[in-house]
Amino acid sequence: MFNAIVSADTLQATLGSVGVLVEECKIHLEEDGLEIRAVDPANVGMVDLTLDSAAFESYETDGGLIGVNLARLQDIAGMADAGQLVHLELDEETRKLHISIDGLEYTLALIDPESIREEPDLPDLDLPAEIVIEGRDIDRAVTAADMVSDHIELGVDEEAEVFYVKAEGDTDDVHLELDEEDLIDLTVGPASSLFSLDYLDDMNSAIPGDAEVTMELGEEFPVKLHFDIAEGQGTVTYMLAPRIQSN
């Protein structure tokens, strides 16, 4: 059983955070909220999302697991205006999800969860550097880097105590440095890793500009990005594997 009412903007932010990496996913219906964990087909980017039951106008479930075509569900949710409410109800006999938006009725066929890629384990990484940064500063760095290259270096200069972003293209380079005054917080540690801009660009598109993003970095380690959605009643963690630099 699953019967819930949620604001369109909360639903759109939730689906958008996952939809930047995968086209289908498993949704765990827990008594205290939803949980989604997925990895992209190339095993490079991963998302771990929780949305508390408190983020919903109403939320009832006795637990369970459903598989959804995210692209189709996003299209349907996108029909709603930000202030509208979306009613979601699972028909257990037909295994279809009924979606109501201000008089519009949709019926979405669900996917067998067994046919969807296995969910990844969340690696327990002890990353030495931690940067707390506004979403708009990540956007600025990624947008600038995207103009010159297809990869981006994220790191911390321990001596200067700055977080830096570098991108080197065939002819042009981009370099950005942010110190403690420019950031919300900075924990200095050895950190320098190269990442695919395609993935970071996709993740960046789902991060609100006013979000407080915690970034964890190491040397040639994955980057972890954490931020809240739904006014703090949901959390998103992205993990992106590095491109190993060949000397």
C-alpha atoms as a PDB file:
ATOM      1  CA  MET A   1       0.000   0.000   0.000  1.00  0.00           C
ATOM      2  CA  PHE A   2       1.207   3.479  -0.900  1.00  0.00           C
ATOM      3  CA  ASN A   3      -0.915   6.616  -0.873  1.00  0.00           C
ATOM      4  CA  ALA A   4       0.699  10.042  -0.704  1.00  0.00           C
ATOM      5  CA  ILE A   5       0.171  13.705  -1.522  1.00  0.00           C
ATOM      6  CA  VAL A   6       3.219  15.869  -2.186  1.00  0.00           C
ATOM      7  CA  SER A   7       3.923  19.330  -3.583  1.00  0.00           C
ATOM      8  CA  ALA A   8       4.978  19.368  -7.231  1.00  0.00           C
ATOM      9  CA  ASP A   9       8.236  21.208  -6.523  1.00  0.00           C
ATOM     10  CA  THR A  10       9.291  18.622  -3.904  1.00  0.00           C
ATOM     11  CA  LEU A  11       8.462  15.754  -6.275  1.00  0.00           C
ATOM     12  CA  GLN A  12      10.240  17.440  -9.207  1.00  0.00           C
ATOM     13  CA  ALA A  13      13.385  18.112  -7.123  1.00  0.00           C
ATOM     14  CA  THR A  14      13.415  14.498  -5.899  1.00  0.00           C
ATOM     15  CA  LEU A  15      13.005  12.938  -9.322  1.00  0.00           C
ATOM     16  CA  GLY A  16      15.394  15.431 -10.924  1.00  0.00           C
ATOM     17  CA  SER A  17      18.162  14.617  -8.445  1.00  0.00           C
ATOM     18  CA  VAL A  18      18.070  10.955  -9.469  1.00  0.00           C
ATOM     19  CA  GLY A  19      17.074  11.408 -13.119  1.00  0.00           C
ATOM     20  CA  VAL A  20      20.348  13.159 -13.999  1.00  0.00           C
ATOM     21  CA  LEU A  21      22.100   9.769 -13.653  1.00  0.00           C
ATOM     22  CA  VAL A  22      19.584   7.018 -14.463  1.00  0.00           C
ATOM     23  CA  GLU A  23      16.407   6.503 -16.486  1.00  0.00           C
ATOM     24  CA  GLU A  24      14.867   3.946 -14.146  1.00  0.00           C
ATOM     25  CA  CYS A  25      15.251   3.174 -10.461  1.00  0.00           C
ATOM     26  CA  LYS A  26      13.920   1.291  -7.462  1.00  0.00           C
ATOM     27  CA  ILE A  27      12.020   3.290  -4.849  1.00  0.00           C
ATOM     28  CA  HIS A  28      11.965   1.863  -1.327  1.00  0.00           C
ATOM     29  CA  LEU A  29       8.686   2.771   0.368  1.00  0.00           C
ATOM     30  CA  GLU A  30       9.585   2.972   4.048  1.00  0.00           C
ATOM     31  CA  GLU A  31       7.247   3.969   6.857  1.00  0.00           C
ATOM     32  CA  ASP A  32       9.316   7.102   7.545  1.00  0.00           C
ATOM     33  CA  GLY A  33       9.788   8.100   3.883  1.00  0.00           C
ATOM     34  CA  LEU A  34      11.262   7.183   0.499  1.00  0.00           C
ATOM     35  CA  GLU A  35      14.759   5.930  -0.244  1.00  0.00           C
ATOM     36  CA  ILE A  36      16.434   5.727  -3.656  1.00  0.00           C
ATOM     37  CA  ARG A  37      19.960   4.596  -4.457  1.00  0.00           C
ATOM     38  CA  ALA A  38      21.203   4.175  -8.007  1.00  0.00           C
ATOM     39  CA  VAL A  39      24.359   4.091 -10.112  1.00  0.00           C
ATOM     40  CA  ASP A  40      24.670   5.141 -13.738  1.00  0.00           C
ATOM     41  CA  PRO A  41      25.226   2.448 -16.428  1.00  0.00           C
ATOM     42  CA  ALA A  42      28.984   3.158 -16.577  1.00  0.00           C
ATOM     43  CA  ASN A  43      29.426   2.841 -12.770  1.00  0.00           C
ATOM     44  CA  VAL A  44      30.929   6.335 -12.620  1.00  0.00           C
ATOM     45  CA  GLY A  45      28.234   8.366 -10.836  1.00  0.00           C
ATOM     46  CA  MET A  46      26.040   7.343  -7.936  1.00  0.00           C
ATOM     47  CA  VAL A  47      23.131   8.927  -6.068  1.00  0.00           C
ATOM     48  CA  ASP A  48      21.733   8.172  -2.622  1.00  0.00           C
ATOM     49  CA  LEU A  49      18.499  10.002  -1.741  1.00  0.00           C
ATOM     50  CA  THR A  50      16.122  10.023   1.205  1.00  0.00           C
ATOM     51  CA  LEU A  51      12.855  11.955   1.430  1.00  0.00           C
ATOM     52  CA  ASP A  52      11.218  12.001   4.864  1.00  0.00           C
ATOM     53  CA  SER A  53       7.490  11.382   5.244  1.00  0.00           C
ATOM     54  CA  ALA A  54       7.335  14.908   6.767  1.00  0.00           C
ATOM     55  CA  ALA A  55       8.088  16.319   3.281  1.00  0.00           C
ATOM     56  CA  PHE A  56       4.656  15.080   2.142  1.00  0.00           C
ATOM     57  CA  GLU A  57       1.253  16.641   2.785  1.00  0.00           C
ATOM     58  CA  SER A  58       0.113  13.113   3.606  1.00  0.00           C
ATOM     59  CA  TYR A  59       1.989   9.819   3.458  1.00  0.00           C
ATOM     60  CA  GLU A  60       0.790   6.269   4.072  1.00  0.00           C
ATOM     61  CA  THR A  61       2.543   3.026   3.270  1.00  0.00           C
ATOM     62  CA  ASP A  62       3.023  -0.408   4.752  1.00  0.00           C
ATOM     63  CA  GLY A  63       6.415  -0.686   3.070  1.00  0.00           C
ATOM     64  CA  GLY A  64       7.517  -2.207  -0.188  1.00  0.00           C
ATOM     65  CA  LEU A  65       9.633  -1.736  -3.284  1.00  0.00           C
ATOM     66  CA  ILE A  66       8.578  -0.379  -6.678  1.00  0.00           C
ATOM     67  CA  GLY A  67      10.451   0.107  -9.934  1.00  0.00           C
ATOM     68  CA  VAL A  68       9.753   3.209 -12.009  1.00  0.00           C
ATOM     69  CA  ASN A  69      10.636   4.662 -15.383  1.00  0.00           C
ATOM     70  CA  LEU A  70      12.028   7.931 -14.063  1.00  0.00           C
ATOM     71  CA  ALA A  71      11.947   9.741 -17.388  1.00  0.00           C
ATOM     72  CA  ARG A  72       8.207   9.103 -17.760  1.00  0.00           C
ATOM     73  CA  LEU A  73       7.443   9.954 -14.144  1.00  0.00           C
ATOM     74  CA  GLN A  74       9.441  13.196 -14.493  1.00  0.00           C
ATOM     75  CA  ASP A  75       7.439  14.118 -17.600  1.00  0.00           C
ATOM     76  CA  ILE A  76       4.199  13.631 -15.681  1.00  0.00           C
ATOM     77  CA  ALA A  77       5.419  15.545 -12.602  1.00  0.00           C
ATOM     78  CA  GLY A  78       6.593  18.310 -14.932  1.00  0.00           C
ATOM     79  CA  MET A  79       2.975  18.930 -15.969  1.00  0.00           C
ATOM     80  CA  ALA A  80       2.281  20.347 -12.499  1.00  0.00           C
ATOM     81  CA  ASP A  81       2.912  23.951 -11.514  1.00  0.00           C
ATOM     82  CA  ALA A  82       5.217  24.523  -8.533  1.00  0.00           C
ATOM     83  CA  GLY A  83       2.395  25.250  -6.085  1.00  0.00           C
ATOM     84  CA  GLN A  84       0.190  22.321  -7.080  1.00  0.00           C
ATOM     85  CA  LEU A  85      -0.221  19.072  -5.191  1.00  0.00           C
ATOM     86  CA  VAL A  86       0.379  15.669  -6.736  1.00  0.00           C
ATOM     87  CA  HIS A  87      -1.530  12.634  -5.474  1.00  0.00           C
ATOM     88  CA  LEU A  88       0.250   9.284  -5.858  1.00  0.00           C
ATOM     89  CA  GLU A  89      -1.528   5.999  -5.239  1.00  0.00           C
ATOM     90  CA  LEU A  90      -0.287   2.469  -5.871  1.00  0.00           C
ATOM     91  CA  ASP A  91      -2.734  -0.084  -7.279  1.00  0.00           C
ATOM     92  CA  GLU A  92      -1.253  -3.301  -5.942  1.00  0.00           C
ATOM     93  CA  GLU A  93      -3.367  -5.581  -8.151  1.00  0.00           C
ATOM     94  CA  THR A  94      -2.402  -4.002 -11.458  1.00  0.00           C
ATOM     95  CA  ARG A  95       1.052  -2.817 -10.208  1.00  0.00           C
ATOM     96  CA  LYS A  96       0.359   0.627 -11.603  1.00  0.00           C
ATOM     97  CA  LEU A  97       0.835   4.035 -10.060  1.00  0.00           C
ATOM     98  CA  HIS A  98      -2.131   6.401 -10.280  1.00  0.00           C
ATOM     99  CA  ILE A  99      -1.104  10.055 -10.392  1.00  0.00           C
ATOM    100  CA  SER A 100      -3.591  12.931 -10.046  1.00  0.00           C
ATOM    101  CA  ILE A 101      -2.719  16.588 -10.678  1.00  0.00           C
ATOM    102  CA  ASP A 102      -5.544  19.116 -10.480  1.00  0.00           C
ATOM    103  CA  GLY A 103      -8.051  17.007 -12.424  1.00  0.00           C
ATOM    104  CA  LEU A 104      -5.491  15.355 -14.710  1.00  0.00           C
ATOM    105  CA  GLU A 105      -5.292  11.612 -14.175  1.00  0.00           C
ATOM    106  CA  TYR A 106      -2.337   9.483 -15.223  1.00  0.00           C
ATOM    107  CA  THR A 107      -1.720   5.769 -14.851  1.00  0.00           C
ATOM    108  CA  LEU A 108       1.940   4.781 -14.952  1.00  0.00           C
ATOM    109  CA  ALA A 109       2.920   1.141 -15.465  1.00  0.00           C
ATOM    110  CA  LEU A 110       5.621   0.128 -13.015  1.00  0.00           C
ATOM    111  CA  ILE A 111       8.765  -1.843 -13.820  1.00  0.00           C
ATOM    112  CA  ASP A 112       9.669  -5.146 -12.163  1.00  0.00           C
ATOM    113  CA  PRO A 113      12.347  -4.092  -9.610  1.00  0.00           C
ATOM    114  CA  GLU A 114      14.233  -7.329 -10.400  1.00  0.00           C
ATOM    115  CA  SER A 115      14.846  -6.067 -13.960  1.00  0.00           C
ATOM    116  CA  ILE A 116      16.510  -2.834 -12.741  1.00  0.00           C
ATOM    117  CA  ARG A 117      20.254  -2.611 -12.113  1.00  0.00           C
ATOM    118  CA  GLU A 118      21.300  -3.759  -8.666  1.00  0.00           C
ATOM    119  CA  GLU A 119      21.709  -0.938  -6.193  1.00  0.00           C
ATOM    120  CA  PRO A 120      25.305  -0.115  -5.266  1.00  0.00           C
ATOM    121  CA  ASP A 121      26.775  -0.270  -1.795  1.00  0.00           C
ATOM    122  CA  LEU A 122      27.674   3.150  -0.447  1.00  0.00           C
ATOM    123  CA  PRO A 123      31.473   3.023   0.022  1.00  0.00           C
ATOM    124  CA  ASP A 124      32.680   4.165   3.422  1.00  0.00           C
ATOM    125  CA  LEU A 125      35.379   6.632   2.396  1.00  0.00           C
ATOM    126  CA  ASP A 126      37.348   8.691   4.895  1.00  0.00           C
ATOM    127  CA  LEU A 127      38.128  11.714   2.721  1.00  0.00           C
ATOM    128  CA  PRO A 128      40.569  14.227   4.293  1.00  0.00           C
ATOM    129  CA  ALA A 129      39.319  17.533   2.839  1.00  0.00           C
ATOM    130  CA  GLU A 130      35.853  18.980   3.340  1.00  0.00           C
ATOM    131  CA  ILE A 131      34.522  22.063   1.580  1.00  0.00           C
ATOM    132  CA  VAL A 132      31.138  23.601   2.409  1.00  0.00           C
ATOM    133  CA  ILE A 133      30.142  25.750  -0.533  1.00  0.00           C
ATOM    134  CA  GLU A 134      27.064  27.404  -2.030  1.00  0.00           C
ATOM    135  CA  GLY A 135      25.438  25.682  -4.981  1.00  0.00           C
ATOM    136  CA  ARG A 136      25.835  28.805  -7.118  1.00  0.00           C
ATOM    137  CA  ASP A 137      29.646  28.700  -6.656  1.00  0.00           C
ATOM    138  CA  ILE A 138      29.742  25.101  -7.870  1.00  0.00           C
ATOM    139  CA  ASP A 139      27.634  26.181 -10.843  1.00  0.00           C
ATOM    140  CA  ARG A 140      30.039  29.038 -11.630  1.00  0.00           C
ATOM    141  CA  ALA A 141      33.070  26.724 -11.513  1.00  0.00           C
ATOM    142  CA  VAL A 142      31.484  23.954 -13.580  1.00  0.00           C
ATOM    143  CA  THR A 143      30.113  26.376 -16.192  1.00  0.00           C
ATOM    144  CA  ALA A 144      33.509  28.072 -16.596  1.00  0.00           C
ATOM    145  CA  ALA A 145      35.384  24.759 -16.821  1.00  0.00           C
ATOM    146  CA  ASP A 146      32.893  23.436 -19.373  1.00  0.00           C
ATOM    147  CA  MET A 147      33.889  26.230 -21.757  1.00  0.00           C
ATOM    148  CA  VAL A 148      37.467  24.961 -22.121  1.00  0.00           C
ATOM    149  CA  SER A 149      37.630  21.260 -21.279  1.00  0.00           C
ATOM    150  CA  ASP A 150      35.794  17.978 -20.790  1.00  0.00           C
ATOM    151  CA  HIS A 151      37.349  17.336 -17.390  1.00  0.00           C
ATOM    152  CA  ILE A 152      37.848  19.311 -14.204  1.00  0.00           C
ATOM    153  CA  GLU A 153      40.306  19.126 -11.323  1.00  0.00           C
ATOM    154  CA  LEU A 154      39.007  19.740  -7.813  1.00  0.00           C
ATOM    155  CA  GLY A 155      41.486  20.112  -4.988  1.00  0.00           C
ATOM    156  CA  VAL A 156      42.752  21.883  -1.892  1.00  0.00           C
ATOM    157  CA  ASP A 157      46.024  23.792  -1.614  1.00  0.00           C
ATOM    158  CA  GLU A 158      47.021  22.982   1.958  1.00  0.00           C
ATOM    159  CA  GLU A 159      49.627  25.737   2.281  1.00  0.00           C
ATOM    160  CA  ALA A 160      47.440  28.531   0.909  1.00  0.00           C
ATOM    161  CA  GLU A 161      44.346  27.021   2.574  1.00  0.00           C
ATOM    162  CA  VAL A 162      42.188  27.391  -0.534  1.00  0.00           C
ATOM    163  CA  PHE A 163      39.812  25.174  -2.473  1.00  0.00           C
ATOM    164  CA  TYR A 164      40.649  25.291  -6.171  1.00  0.00           C
ATOM    165  CA  VAL A 165      39.102  24.325  -9.484  1.00  0.00           C
ATOM    166  CA  LYS A 166      41.225  23.853 -12.618  1.00  0.00           C
ATOM    167  CA  ALA A 167      40.327  22.998 -16.195  1.00  0.00           C
ATOM    168  CA  GLU A 168      42.881  22.801 -18.981  1.00  0.00           C
ATOM    169  CA  GLY A 169      41.816  22.778 -22.614  1.00  0.00           C
ATOM    170  CA  ASP A 170      43.853  22.600 -25.819  1.00  0.00           C
ATOM    171  CA  THR A 171      44.248  26.381 -25.894  1.00  0.00           C
ATOM    172  CA  ASP A 172      42.447  27.886 -22.889  1.00  0.00           C
ATOM    173  CA  ASP A 173      42.595  27.278 -19.133  1.00  0.00           C
ATOM    174  CA  VAL A 174      40.299  28.077 -16.233  1.00  0.00           C
ATOM    175  CA  HIS A 175      41.453  28.469 -12.635  1.00  0.00           C
ATOM    176  CA  LEU A 176      39.299  29.398  -9.657  1.00  0.00           C
ATOM    177  CA  GLU A 177      40.400  29.700  -6.015  1.00  0.00           C
ATOM    178  CA  LEU A 178      38.091  30.124  -3.035  1.00  0.00           C
ATOM    179  CA  ASP A 179      39.437  30.687   0.466  1.00  0.00           C
ATOM    180  CA  GLU A 180      37.694  30.357   3.813  1.00  0.00           C
ATOM    181  CA  GLU A 181      36.084  33.785   3.431  1.00  0.00           C
ATOM    182  CA  ASP A 182      34.516  32.770   0.094  1.00  0.00           C
ATOM    183  CA  LEU A 183      33.297  29.424   1.447  1.00  0.00           C
ATOM    184  CA  ILE A 184      30.868  28.484   4.197  1.00  0.00           C
ATOM    185  CA  ASP A 185      33.517  26.229   5.739  1.00  0.00           C
ATOM    186  CA  LEU A 186      36.827  24.587   4.801  1.00  0.00           C
ATOM    187  CA  THR A 187      38.628  21.647   6.374  1.00  0.00           C
ATOM    188  CA  VAL A 188      42.078  21.491   4.785  1.00  0.00           C
ATOM    189  CA  GLY A 189      43.569  18.132   3.805  1.00  0.00           C
ATOM    190  CA  PRO A 190      45.490  16.536   0.916  1.00  0.00           C
ATOM    191  CA  ALA A 191      43.084  16.577  -2.028  1.00  0.00           C
ATOM    192  CA  SER A 192      43.406  16.656  -5.803  1.00  0.00           C
ATOM    193  CA  SER A 193      41.314  14.614  -8.235  1.00  0.00           C
ATOM    194  CA  LEU A 194      40.271  14.866 -11.871  1.00  0.00           C
ATOM    195  CA  PHE A 195      36.632  14.295 -12.858  1.00  0.00           C
ATOM    196  CA  SER A 196      34.535  14.030 -15.990  1.00  0.00           C
ATOM    197  CA  LEU A 197      32.721  17.300 -16.577  1.00  0.00           C
ATOM    198  CA  ASP A 198      29.806  15.535 -18.269  1.00  0.00           C
ATOM    199  CA  TYR A 199      28.847  13.888 -14.977  1.00  0.00           C
ATOM    200  CA  LEU A 200      29.574  16.883 -12.795  1.00  0.00           C
ATOM    201  CA  ASP A 201      27.541  19.040 -15.173  1.00  0.00           C
ATOM    202  CA  ASP A 202      24.553  16.692 -14.788  1.00  0.00           C
ATOM    203  CA  MET A 203      24.831  16.636 -10.996  1.00  0.00           C
ATOM    204  CA  ASN A 204      25.267  20.406 -10.895  1.00  0.00           C
ATOM    205  CA  SER A 205      21.998  20.866 -12.796  1.00  0.00           C
ATOM    206  CA  ALA A 206      20.134  19.253  -9.878  1.00  0.00           C
ATOM    207  CA  ILE A 207      21.826  21.303  -7.118  1.00  0.00           C
ATOM    208  CA  PRO A 208      19.822  24.403  -6.120  1.00  0.00           C
ATOM    209  CA  GLY A 209      21.817  27.646  -6.339  1.00  0.00           C
ATOM    210  CA  ASP A 210      21.032  28.498  -2.723  1.00  0.00           C
ATOM    211  CA  ALA A 211      21.886  25.021  -1.426  1.00  0.00           C
ATOM    212  CA  GLU A 212      24.647  24.534   1.133  1.00  0.00           C
ATOM    213  CA  VAL A 213      26.719  21.747  -0.415  1.00  0.00           C
ATOM    214  CA  THR A 214      29.245  19.700   1.535  1.00  0.00           C
ATOM    215  CA  MET A 215      32.001  18.388  -0.722  1.00  0.00           C
ATOM    216  CA  GLU A 216      34.429  15.696   0.456  1.00  0.00           C
ATOM    217  CA  LEU A 217      37.673  15.214  -1.466  1.00  0.00           C
ATOM    218  CA  GLY A 218      40.884  13.184  -1.393  1.00  0.00           C
ATOM    219  CA  GLU A 219      43.814  12.440  -3.697  1.00  0.00           C
ATOM    220  CA  GLU A 220      42.578  10.499  -6.746  1.00  0.00           C
ATOM    221  CA  PHE A 221      39.499   9.483  -4.776  1.00  0.00           C
ATOM    222  CA  PRO A 222      35.819   9.898  -5.574  1.00  0.00           C
ATOM    223  CA  VAL A 223      34.189  13.201  -4.634  1.00  0.00           C
ATOM    224  CA  LYS A 224      31.123  13.138  -2.381  1.00  0.00           C
ATOM    225  CA  LEU A 225      28.564  15.940  -2.591  1.00  0.00           C
ATOM    226  CA  HIS A 226      25.776  16.239  -0.004  1.00  0.00           C
ATOM    227  CA  PHE A 227      22.905  18.730   0.014  1.00  0.00           C
ATOM    228  CA  ASP A 228      19.351  19.041   1.306  1.00  0.00           C
ATOM    229  CA  ILE A 229      16.120  19.224  -0.667  1.00  0.00           C
ATOM    230  CA  ALA A 230      12.502  19.771   0.384  1.00  0.00           C
ATOM    231  CA  GLU A 231      13.403  22.426   2.967  1.00  0.00           C
ATOM    232  CA  GLY A 232      15.713  20.069   4.813  1.00  0.00           C
ATOM    233  CA  GLN A 233      13.307  17.117   4.834  1.00  0.00           C
ATOM    234  CA  GLY A 234      15.246  15.286   2.156  1.00  0.00           C
ATOM    235  CA  THR A 235      18.944  14.669   1.505  1.00  0.00           C
ATOM    236  CA  VAL A 236      20.881  13.885  -1.652  1.00  0.00           C
ATOM    237  CA  THR A 237      24.399  12.437  -1.789  1.00  0.00           C
ATOM    238  CA  TYR A 238      26.250  12.188  -5.087  1.00  0.00           C
ATOM    239  CA  MET A 239      29.454  10.251  -5.509  1.00  0.00           C
ATOM    240  CA  LEU A 240      31.588  10.584  -8.626  1.00  0.00           C
ATOM    241  CA  ALA A 241      34.572   8.383  -9.450  1.00  0.00           C
ATOM    242  CA  PRO A 242      37.760  10.162 -10.527  1.00  0.00           C
ATOM    243  CA  ARG A 243      39.553   9.918 -13.833  1.00  0.00           C
ATOM    244  CA  ILE A 244      42.922   8.451 -12.891  1.00  0.00           C
ATOM    245  CA  GLN A 245      45.661  10.663 -14.299  1.00  0.00           C
ATOM    246  CA  SER A 246      48.370   8.851 -16.235  1.00  0.00           C
ATOM    247  CA  ASN A 247      51.819  10.377 -15.818  1.00  0.00           C
END
